[in-house]
PDB file of N, CA and C in Angstrom:
ATOM      1  N   MET A   1       4.484 -90.590  83.799  1.00  0.00           N
ATOM      2  CA  MET A   1       5.278 -91.770  83.671  1.00  0.00           C
ATOM      3  C   MET A   1       5.053 -92.356  82.285  1.00  0.00           C
ATOM      4  N   ASN A   2       6.129 -92.816  81.696  1.00  0.00           N
ATOM      5  CA  ASN A   2       6.052 -93.443  80.383  1.00  0.00           C
ATOM      6  C   ASN A   2       6.913 -94.695  80.419  1.00  0.00           C
ATOM      7  N   LEU A   3       6.404 -95.795  79.928  1.00  0.00           N
ATOM      8  CA  LEU A   3       7.149 -97.040  79.899  1.00  0.00           C
ATOM      9  C   LEU A   3       6.813 -97.790  78.630  1.00  0.00           C
ATOM     10  N   THR A   4       7.852 -98.238  77.954  1.00  0.00           N
ATOM     11  CA  THR A   4       7.657 -99.080  76.784  1.00  0.00           C
ATOM     12  C   THR A   4       8.519-100.316  76.959  1.00  0.00           C
ATOM     13  N   LEU A   5       7.946-101.472  76.859  1.00  0.00           N
ATOM     14  CA  LEU A   5       8.702-102.717  76.852  1.00  0.00           C
ATOM     15  C   LEU A   5       8.370-103.412  75.548  1.00  0.00           C
ATOM     16  N   CYS A   6       9.356-103.548  74.717  1.00  0.00           N
ATOM     17  CA  CYS A   6       9.161-104.182  73.412  1.00  0.00           C
ATOM     18  C   CYS A   6       9.678-105.611  73.494  1.00  0.00           C
ATOM     19  N   TRP A   7       8.833-106.545  73.182  1.00  0.00           N
ATOM     20  CA  TRP A   7       9.240-107.946  73.149  1.00  0.00           C
ATOM     21  C   TRP A   7       9.547-108.320  71.706  1.00  0.00           C
ATOM     22  N   TYR A   8      10.806-108.638  71.420  1.00  0.00           N
ATOM     23  CA  TYR A   8      11.177-109.077  70.083  1.00  0.00           C
ATOM     24  C   TYR A   8      10.605-110.464  69.831  1.00  0.00           C
ATOM     25  N   ASN A   9      10.713-111.282  70.792  1.00  0.00           N
ATOM     26  CA  ASN A   9      10.112-112.607  70.800  1.00  0.00           C
ATOM     27  C   ASN A   9      10.052-113.022  72.260  1.00  0.00           C
ATOM     28  N   VAL A  10       9.664-114.222  72.526  1.00  0.00           N
ATOM     29  CA  VAL A  10       9.502-114.628  73.920  1.00  0.00           C
ATOM     30  C   VAL A  10      10.847-114.682  74.642  1.00  0.00           C
ATOM     31  N   GLN A  11      11.929-114.806  73.917  1.00  0.00           N
ATOM     32  CA  GLN A  11      13.224-115.003  74.558  1.00  0.00           C
ATOM     33  C   GLN A  11      14.024-113.721  74.783  1.00  0.00           C
ATOM     34  N   ARG A  12      13.759-112.672  74.027  1.00  0.00           N
ATOM     35  CA  ARG A  12      14.520-111.425  74.165  1.00  0.00           C
ATOM     36  C   ARG A  12      13.574-110.259  74.383  1.00  0.00           C
ATOM     37  N   GLY A  13      13.933-109.377  75.282  1.00  0.00           N
ATOM     38  CA  GLY A  13      13.127-108.180  75.524  1.00  0.00           C
ATOM     39  C   GLY A  13      13.954-106.928  75.310  1.00  0.00           C
ATOM     40  N   ARG A  14      13.268-105.831  75.144  1.00  0.00           N
ATOM     41  CA  ARG A  14      13.936-104.538  75.000  1.00  0.00           C
ATOM     42  C   ARG A  14      13.181-103.538  75.855  1.00  0.00           C
ATOM     43  N   LEU A  15      13.883-102.871  76.731  1.00  0.00           N
ATOM     44  CA  LEU A  15      13.300-101.890  77.629  1.00  0.00           C
ATOM     45  C   LEU A  15      13.554-100.502  77.059  1.00  0.00           C
ATOM     46  N   GLU A  16      12.490 -99.742  76.880  1.00  0.00           N
ATOM     47  CA  GLU A  16      12.615 -98.397  76.307  1.00  0.00           C
ATOM     48  C   GLU A  16      11.718 -97.421  77.047  1.00  0.00           C
ATOM     49  N   ASP A  17      12.149 -96.183  77.074  1.00  0.00           N
ATOM     50  CA  ASP A  17      11.333 -95.053  77.532  1.00  0.00           C
ATOM     51  C   ASP A  17      10.814 -95.189  78.956  1.00  0.00           C
ATOM     52  N   VAL A  18      11.695 -95.521  79.868  1.00  0.00           N
ATOM     53  CA  VAL A  18      11.321 -95.496  81.285  1.00  0.00           C
ATOM     54  C   VAL A  18      11.562 -94.070  81.768  1.00  0.00           C
ATOM     55  N   VAL A  19      10.495 -93.338  81.948  1.00  0.00           N
ATOM     56  CA  VAL A  19      10.582 -91.932  82.359  1.00  0.00           C
ATOM     57  C   VAL A  19       9.559 -91.692  83.459  1.00  0.00           C
ATOM     58  N   VAL A  20      10.006 -91.132  84.563  1.00  0.00           N
ATOM     59  CA  VAL A  20       9.104 -90.770  85.653  1.00  0.00           C
ATOM     60  C   VAL A  20       8.971 -89.255  85.642  1.00  0.00           C
ATOM     61  N   SER A  21       7.749 -88.761  85.642  1.00  0.00           N
ATOM     62  CA  SER A  21       7.493 -87.320  85.645  1.00  0.00           C
ATOM     63  C   SER A  21       8.205 -86.667  86.818  1.00  0.00           C
ATOM     64  N   GLU A  22       8.677 -85.466  86.583  1.00  0.00           N
ATOM     65  CA  GLU A  22       9.429 -84.743  87.602  1.00  0.00           C
ATOM     66  C   GLU A  22       8.699 -84.684  88.939  1.00  0.00           C
ATOM     67  N   GLU A  23       7.404 -84.491  88.900  1.00  0.00           N
ATOM     68  CA  GLU A  23       6.635 -84.358  90.140  1.00  0.00           C
ATOM     69  C   GLU A  23       6.587 -85.645  90.962  1.00  0.00           C
ATOM     70  N   TYR A  24       6.895 -86.798  90.339  1.00  0.00           N
ATOM     71  CA  TYR A  24       6.859 -88.083  91.037  1.00  0.00           C
ATOM     72  C   TYR A  24       8.245 -88.653  91.317  1.00  0.00           C
ATOM     73  N   ARG A  25       9.293 -87.939  90.929  1.00  0.00           N
ATOM     74  CA  ARG A  25      10.653 -88.437  91.148  1.00  0.00           C
ATOM     75  C   ARG A  25      10.988 -88.438  92.635  1.00  0.00           C
ATOM     76  N   GLY A  26      11.908 -89.302  92.998  1.00  0.00           N
ATOM     77  CA  GLY A  26      12.317 -89.413  94.388  1.00  0.00           C
ATOM     78  C   GLY A  26      11.449 -90.352  95.202  1.00  0.00           C
ATOM     79  N   ARG A  27      10.530 -91.028  94.553  1.00  0.00           N
ATOM     80  CA  ARG A  27       9.623 -91.955  95.244  1.00  0.00           C
ATOM     81  C   ARG A  27       9.937 -93.415  94.925  1.00  0.00           C
ATOM     82  N   GLN A  28      11.072 -93.653  94.303  1.00  0.00           N
ATOM     83  CA  GLN A  28      11.522 -95.014  93.970  1.00  0.00           C
ATOM     84  C   GLN A  28      10.679 -95.685  92.887  1.00  0.00           C
ATOM     85  N   LEU A  29       9.913 -94.903  92.124  1.00  0.00           N
ATOM     86  CA  LEU A  29       9.057 -95.487  91.085  1.00  0.00           C
ATOM     87  C   LEU A  29       9.873 -96.090  89.947  1.00  0.00           C
ATOM     88  N   GLY A  30      10.945 -95.433  89.545  1.00  0.00           N
ATOM     89  CA  GLY A  30      11.798 -95.974  88.492  1.00  0.00           C
ATOM     90  C   GLY A  30      12.374 -97.325  88.887  1.00  0.00           C
ATOM     91  N   LYS A  31      12.829 -97.421  90.126  1.00  0.00           N
ATOM     92  CA  LYS A  31      13.361 -98.696  90.629  1.00  0.00           C
ATOM     93  C   LYS A  31      12.288 -99.776  90.627  1.00  0.00           C
ATOM     94  N   LEU A  32      11.097 -99.417  91.042  1.00  0.00           N
ATOM     95  CA  LEU A  32       9.989-100.376  91.060  1.00  0.00           C
ATOM     96  C   LEU A  32       9.667-100.866  89.650  1.00  0.00           C
ATOM     97  N   ILE A  33       9.617 -99.947  88.705  1.00  0.00           N
ATOM     98  CA  ILE A  33       9.297-100.302  87.321  1.00  0.00           C
ATOM     99  C   ILE A  33      10.355-101.232  86.739  1.00  0.00           C
ATOM    100  N   VAL A  34      11.620-100.838  86.832  1.00  0.00           N
ATOM    101  CA  VAL A  34      12.687-101.629  86.213  1.00  0.00           C
ATOM    102  C   VAL A  34      12.829-102.984  86.899  1.00  0.00           C
ATOM    103  N   SER A  35      12.747-103.030  88.210  1.00  0.00           N
ATOM    104  CA  SER A  35      12.870-104.326  88.891  1.00  0.00           C
ATOM    105  C   SER A  35      11.702-105.244  88.545  1.00  0.00           C
ATOM    106  N   THR A  36      10.495-104.697  88.456  1.00  0.00           N
ATOM    107  CA  THR A  36       9.322-105.506  88.109  1.00  0.00           C
ATOM    108  C   THR A  36       9.424-106.044  86.690  1.00  0.00           C
ATOM    109  N   ILE A  37       9.783-105.192  85.745  1.00  0.00           N
ATOM    110  CA  ILE A  37       9.918-105.625  84.349  1.00  0.00           C
ATOM    111  C   ILE A  37      11.021-106.668  84.214  1.00  0.00           C
ATOM    112  N   THR A  38      12.130-106.455  84.912  1.00  0.00           N
ATOM    113  CA  THR A  38      13.241-107.401  84.841  1.00  0.00           C
ATOM    114  C   THR A  38      12.822-108.766  85.386  1.00  0.00           C
ATOM    115  N   LEU A  39      12.151-108.778  86.519  1.00  0.00           N
ATOM    116  CA  LEU A  39      11.671-110.046  87.090  1.00  0.00           C
ATOM    117  C   LEU A  39      10.625-110.718  86.201  1.00  0.00           C
ATOM    118  N   LEU A  40       9.733-109.926  85.630  1.00  0.00           N
ATOM    119  CA  LEU A  40       8.708-110.470  84.736  1.00  0.00           C
ATOM    120  C   LEU A  40       9.344-111.112  83.507  1.00  0.00           C
ATOM    121  N   ALA A  41      10.313-110.432  82.925  1.00  0.00           N
ATOM    122  CA  ALA A  41      10.984-110.976  81.742  1.00  0.00           C
ATOM    123  C   ALA A  41      11.650-112.312  82.057  1.00  0.00           C
ATOM    124  N   LYS A  42      12.306-112.377  83.198  1.00  0.00           N
ATOM    125  CA  LYS A  42      12.949-113.629  83.599  1.00  0.00           C
ATOM    126  C   LYS A  42      11.907-114.729  83.799  1.00  0.00           C
ATOM    127  N   LYS A  43      10.801-114.380  84.428  1.00  0.00           N
ATOM    128  CA  LYS A  43       9.745-115.361  84.722  1.00  0.00           C
ATOM    129  C   LYS A  43       9.108-115.931  83.452  1.00  0.00           C
ATOM    130  N   VAL A  44       8.961-115.108  82.408  1.00  0.00           N
ATOM    131  CA  VAL A  44       8.332-115.603  81.178  1.00  0.00           C
ATOM    132  C   VAL A  44       9.328-116.282  80.238  1.00  0.00           C
ATOM    133  N   GLY A  45      10.585-116.378  80.656  1.00  0.00           N
ATOM    134  CA  GLY A  45      11.546-117.143  79.882  1.00  0.00           C
ATOM    135  C   GLY A  45      12.496-116.360  79.005  1.00  0.00           C
ATOM    136  N   CYS A  46      12.554-115.062  79.151  1.00  0.00           N
ATOM    137  CA  CYS A  46      13.546-114.293  78.391  1.00  0.00           C
ATOM    138  C   CYS A  46      14.944-114.702  78.838  1.00  0.00           C
ATOM    139  N   TYR A  47      15.879-114.721  77.906  1.00  0.00           N
ATOM    140  CA  TYR A  47      17.257-114.970  78.302  1.00  0.00           C
ATOM    141  C   TYR A  47      18.035-113.672  78.404  1.00  0.00           C
ATOM    142  N   LYS A  48      17.464-112.563  77.860  1.00  0.00           N
ATOM    143  CA  LYS A  48      18.123-111.272  78.012  1.00  0.00           C
ATOM    144  C   LYS A  48      17.150-110.135  77.744  1.00  0.00           C
ATOM    145  N   ILE A  49      17.502-108.966  78.279  1.00  0.00           N
ATOM    146  CA  ILE A  49      16.807-107.710  77.986  1.00  0.00           C
ATOM    147  C   ILE A  49      17.892-106.705  77.624  1.00  0.00           C
ATOM    148  N   GLY A  50      17.644-105.921  76.590  1.00  0.00           N
ATOM    149  CA  GLY A  50      18.568-104.868  76.194  1.00  0.00           C
ATOM    150  C   GLY A  50      17.925-103.504  76.334  1.00  0.00           C
ATOM    151  N   LEU A  51      18.764-102.488  76.482  1.00  0.00           N
ATOM    152  CA  LEU A  51      18.276-101.114  76.549  1.00  0.00           C
ATOM    153  C   LEU A  51      19.394-100.170  76.147  1.00  0.00           C
ATOM    154  N   ASP A  52      19.028 -98.974  75.775  1.00  0.00           N
ATOM    155  CA  ASP A  52      19.979 -97.895  75.530  1.00  0.00           C
ATOM    156  C   ASP A  52      19.705 -96.821  76.561  1.00  0.00           C
ATOM    157  N   CYS A  53      20.767 -96.222  77.100  1.00  0.00           N
ATOM    158  CA  CYS A  53      20.564 -95.189  78.110  1.00  0.00           C
ATOM    159  C   CYS A  53      21.665 -94.137  78.035  1.00  0.00           C
ATOM    160  N   LYS A  54      21.406 -93.023  78.685  1.00  0.00           N
ATOM    161  CA  LYS A  54      22.397 -91.956  78.811  1.00  0.00           C
ATOM    162  C   LYS A  54      23.485 -92.412  79.775  1.00  0.00           C
ATOM    163  N   ASP A  55      24.664 -91.825  79.622  1.00  0.00           N
ATOM    164  CA  ASP A  55      25.761 -92.146  80.533  1.00  0.00           C
ATOM    165  C   ASP A  55      25.363 -91.942  81.988  1.00  0.00           C
ATOM    166  N   SER A  56      24.581 -90.922  82.242  1.00  0.00           N
ATOM    167  CA  SER A  56      24.184 -90.593  83.615  1.00  0.00           C
ATOM    168  C   SER A  56      23.271 -91.648  84.242  1.00  0.00           C
ATOM    169  N   MET A  57      22.708 -92.539  83.431  1.00  0.00           N
ATOM    170  CA  MET A  57      21.791 -93.565  83.946  1.00  0.00           C
ATOM    171  C   MET A  57      22.439 -94.950  84.064  1.00  0.00           C
ATOM    172  N   LYS A  58      23.682 -95.079  83.661  1.00  0.00           N
ATOM    173  CA  LYS A  58      24.331 -96.399  83.669  1.00  0.00           C
ATOM    174  C   LYS A  58      24.397 -97.010  85.066  1.00  0.00           C
ATOM    175  N   ALA A  59      24.733 -96.219  86.069  1.00  0.00           N
ATOM    176  CA  ALA A  59      24.821 -96.743  87.441  1.00  0.00           C
ATOM    177  C   ALA A  59      23.461 -97.255  87.913  1.00  0.00           C
ATOM    178  N   PHE A  60      22.404 -96.549  87.523  1.00  0.00           N
ATOM    179  CA  PHE A  60      21.049 -96.972  87.886  1.00  0.00           C
ATOM    180  C   PHE A  60      20.773 -98.371  87.348  1.00  0.00           C
ATOM    181  N   TYR A  61      21.019 -98.587  86.059  1.00  0.00           N
ATOM    182  CA  TYR A  61      20.752 -99.896  85.463  1.00  0.00           C
ATOM    183  C   TYR A  61      21.740-100.961  85.945  1.00  0.00           C
ATOM    184  N   ASN A  62      22.987-100.565  86.218  1.00  0.00           N
ATOM    185  CA  ASN A  62      23.957-101.505  86.801  1.00  0.00           C
ATOM    186  C   ASN A  62      23.444-102.088  88.109  1.00  0.00           C
ATOM    187  N   SER A  63      22.719-101.288  88.868  1.00  0.00           N
ATOM    188  CA  SER A  63      22.228-101.746  90.172  1.00  0.00           C
ATOM    189  C   SER A  63      21.215-102.889  90.051  1.00  0.00           C
ATOM    190  N   PHE A  64      20.678-103.108  88.856  1.00  0.00           N
ATOM    191  CA  PHE A  64      19.740-104.212  88.612  1.00  0.00           C
ATOM    192  C   PHE A  64      20.412-105.384  87.899  1.00  0.00           C
ATOM    193  N   GLY A  65      21.705-105.248  87.621  1.00  0.00           N
ATOM    194  CA  GLY A  65      22.432-106.323  86.960  1.00  0.00           C
ATOM    195  C   GLY A  65      22.694-106.108  85.485  1.00  0.00           C
ATOM    196  N   TYR A  66      22.252-104.986  84.928  1.00  0.00           N
ATOM    197  CA  TYR A  66      22.519-104.679  83.526  1.00  0.00           C
ATOM    198  C   TYR A  66      23.985-104.293  83.383  1.00  0.00           C
ATOM    199  N   ALA A  67      24.601-104.707  82.288  1.00  0.00           N
ATOM    200  CA  ALA A  67      26.012-104.423  82.047  1.00  0.00           C
ATOM    201  C   ALA A  67      26.179-103.840  80.651  1.00  0.00           C
ATOM    202  N   GLY A  68      27.238-103.064  80.489  1.00  0.00           N
ATOM    203  CA  GLY A  68      27.522-102.465  79.192  1.00  0.00           C
ATOM    204  C   GLY A  68      27.799-103.520  78.136  1.00  0.00           C
ATOM    205  N   GLU A  69      27.381-103.227  76.922  1.00  0.00           N
ATOM    206  CA  GLU A  69      27.597-104.120  75.784  1.00  0.00           C
ATOM    207  C   GLU A  69      28.853-103.659  75.056  1.00  0.00           C
ATOM    208  N   LYS A  70      29.797-104.547  74.847  1.00  0.00           N
ATOM    209  CA  LYS A  70      31.044-104.184  74.175  1.00  0.00           C
ATOM    210  C   LYS A  70      30.755-103.630  72.789  1.00  0.00           C
ATOM    211  N   GLY A  71      31.430-102.541  72.461  1.00  0.00           N
ATOM    212  CA  GLY A  71      31.285-101.947  71.147  1.00  0.00           C
ATOM    213  C   GLY A  71      30.178-100.916  71.033  1.00  0.00           C
ATOM    214  N   ASN A  72      29.372-100.764  72.074  1.00  0.00           N
ATOM    215  CA  ASN A  72      28.315 -99.753  72.054  1.00  0.00           C
ATOM    216  C   ASN A  72      28.209 -99.157  73.453  1.00  0.00           C
ATOM    217  N   ASP A  73      28.684 -97.941  73.595  1.00  0.00           N
ATOM    218  CA  ASP A  73      28.785 -97.304  74.906  1.00  0.00           C
ATOM    219  C   ASP A  73      27.455 -97.118  75.617  1.00  0.00           C
ATOM    220  N   ASN A  74      26.373 -97.002  74.888  1.00  0.00           N
ATOM    221  CA  ASN A  74      25.095 -96.696  75.523  1.00  0.00           C
ATOM    222  C   ASN A  74      24.136 -97.885  75.594  1.00  0.00           C
ATOM    223  N   THR A  75      24.555 -99.036  75.124  1.00  0.00           N
ATOM    224  CA  THR A  75      23.711-100.227  75.189  1.00  0.00           C
ATOM    225  C   THR A  75      24.057-101.029  76.432  1.00  0.00           C
ATOM    226  N   MET A  76      23.022-101.445  77.149  1.00  0.00           N
ATOM    227  CA  MET A  76      23.208-102.276  78.330  1.00  0.00           C
ATOM    228  C   MET A  76      22.337-103.520  78.187  1.00  0.00           C
ATOM    229  N   ILE A  77      22.833-104.627  78.727  1.00  0.00           N
ATOM    230  CA  ILE A  77      22.169-105.920  78.589  1.00  0.00           C
ATOM    231  C   ILE A  77      22.162-106.615  79.948  1.00  0.00           C
ATOM    232  N   ILE A  78      21.079-107.307  80.235  1.00  0.00           N
ATOM    233  CA  ILE A  78      21.074-108.252  81.353  1.00  0.00           C
ATOM    234  C   ILE A  78      20.741-109.610  80.757  1.00  0.00           C
ATOM    235  N   ARG A  79      21.519-110.605  81.157  1.00  0.00           N
ATOM    236  CA  ARG A  79      21.300-111.978  80.690  1.00  0.00           C
ATOM    237  C   ARG A  79      20.921-112.840  81.889  1.00  0.00           C
ATOM    238  N   PHE A  80      19.975-113.721  81.656  1.00  0.00           N
ATOM    239  CA  PHE A  80      19.517-114.602  82.736  1.00  0.00           C
ATOM    240  C   PHE A  80      20.066-115.998  82.566  1.00  0.00           C
TER     241      PHE A  80
END
């Protein structure tokens, strides 16, 4: 598992490199990681988190409230 959360400042976050090893996939770990980070960011006062993802992962991030950013097909943002 690899996870990077980059905080630009207290108000904006960036989620990068959420990867679950093949041997651990199917155990809902990715969902746990993204939901926890998203809730934590909201709790500490972030107004948004951004990320870049593959087209195949857009539905996954949509399920947490992330939406596509106009003008950039692979950027997704959640605003609180």
